[in-house]
Amino acid sequence: MEWKLFADLAEIAGDRAVTVDAEPGDTVGDALDALLDAHPDLRDRVIEDGTVADHINVLRNGRSVHHDEGLDATLEAGDELALFPPVSGG
């Protein structure tokens, strides 16, 4: 499964697209754990008090997982995962 990372998250991981050891049937949380295990420097930026920080957006197929089953959502073949930190600019 592949994560698309944006802004400073991509800089921390060293790439905008990161493949992790997760497959259909696993959960979004499993895929996130795999990402954080592979890139431990991301953990401090993404996790706060043992859960995903409020300011980090976790998307599955372009939709926030908070609107669905959260990190417990089951992955399906072809799912697109993304992490967005807060961004601003003009």
Protein backbone atom coordinates (compact mmCIF):
# COMPACT_ATOMS: atom_id res chain seq x y z
CA MET A 1 0.00 0.00 0.00
CA GLU A 2 1.29 3.48 -0.72
CA TRP A 3 1.03 6.65 1.34
CA LYS A 4 1.16 10.06 -0.28
CA LEU A 5 2.78 12.58 2.03
CA PHE A 6 2.55 16.33 1.78
CA ALA A 7 4.50 19.38 2.97
CA ASP A 8 6.96 18.73 5.80
CA LEU A 9 5.79 15.10 6.17
CA ALA A 10 7.27 14.33 2.74
CA GLU A 11 10.48 16.09 3.74
CA ILE A 12 10.75 14.09 6.97
CA ALA A 13 10.14 10.77 5.15
CA GLY A 14 12.42 11.72 2.27
CA ASP A 15 9.76 11.20 -0.41
CA ARG A 16 6.22 12.21 -1.35
CA ALA A 17 5.17 8.59 -1.96
CA VAL A 18 6.07 5.83 0.50
CA THR A 19 5.16 2.17 0.04
CA VAL A 20 4.46 0.23 3.24
CA ASP A 21 3.82 -3.40 4.10
CA ALA A 22 0.02 -3.32 4.23
CA GLU A 23 -2.53 -5.00 2.00
CA PRO A 24 -6.27 -5.31 1.45
CA GLY A 25 -7.90 -6.60 4.62
CA ASP A 26 -5.57 -4.63 6.88
CA THR A 27 -6.82 -1.40 8.43
CA VAL A 28 -5.84 2.20 7.80
CA GLY A 29 -4.31 2.08 11.30
CA ASP A 30 -2.19 -0.92 10.30
CA ALA A 31 -0.93 0.98 7.26
CA LEU A 32 -0.21 4.04 9.40
CA ASP A 33 1.71 1.91 11.91
CA ALA A 34 3.74 0.45 9.04
CA LEU A 35 4.52 3.96 7.79
CA LEU A 36 5.59 5.16 11.23
CA ASP A 37 7.67 2.03 11.83
CA ALA A 38 9.46 2.54 8.51
CA HIS A 39 9.94 6.29 9.12
CA PRO A 40 10.13 6.78 12.90
CA ASP A 41 10.91 10.49 12.57
CA LEU A 42 7.32 10.96 11.39
CA ARG A 43 5.92 9.63 14.67
CA ASP A 44 6.66 12.83 16.63
CA ARG A 45 4.98 14.92 13.94
CA VAL A 46 1.91 12.70 13.42
CA ILE A 47 1.17 11.17 16.84
CA GLU A 48 0.16 13.15 19.91
CA ASP A 49 -0.85 11.55 23.21
CA GLY A 50 -0.93 8.09 21.61
CA THR A 51 -3.25 8.97 18.73
CA VAL A 52 -3.15 10.88 15.45
CA ALA A 53 -2.78 14.57 16.23
CA ASP A 54 -5.90 16.65 15.64
CA HIS A 55 -4.11 18.81 13.09
CA ILE A 56 -3.05 15.85 10.90
CA ASN A 57 -5.50 14.80 8.21
CA VAL A 58 -5.58 11.09 7.35
CA LEU A 59 -7.27 10.52 4.00
CA ARG A 60 -8.44 7.35 2.31
CA ASN A 61 -9.45 7.84 -1.30
CA GLY A 62 -9.52 11.60 -0.83
CA ARG A 63 -11.88 11.51 2.14
CA SER A 64 -10.98 12.02 5.79
CA VAL A 65 -11.11 8.73 7.68
CA HIS A 66 -12.85 10.63 10.49
CA HIS A 67 -15.99 10.66 8.31
CA ASP A 68 -15.99 6.88 8.04
CA GLU A 69 -14.62 4.20 10.35
CA GLY A 70 -11.50 6.09 11.30
CA LEU A 71 -8.28 4.13 11.55
CA ASP A 72 -10.35 0.92 11.82
CA ALA A 73 -11.47 1.22 8.19
CA THR A 74 -10.54 -1.89 6.23
CA LEU A 75 -8.29 -1.35 3.24
CA GLU A 76 -9.37 -2.48 -0.20
CA ALA A 77 -7.31 -3.00 -3.34
CA GLY A 78 -6.62 0.31 -5.05
CA ASP A 79 -7.15 2.48 -1.96
CA GLU A 80 -5.16 5.71 -1.91
CA LEU A 81 -3.85 6.84 1.46
CA ALA A 82 -2.59 10.32 2.25
CA LEU A 83 -1.35 12.37 5.20
CA PHE A 84 -1.75 16.14 5.22
CA PRO A 85 -0.38 18.43 7.89
CA PRO A 86 -1.92 21.86 8.35
CA VAL A 87 -0.81 24.12 5.54
CA SER A 88 -1.20 27.82 5.00
CA GLY A 89 -0.08 30.29 2.46
CA GLY A 90 -1.30 32.79 0.05
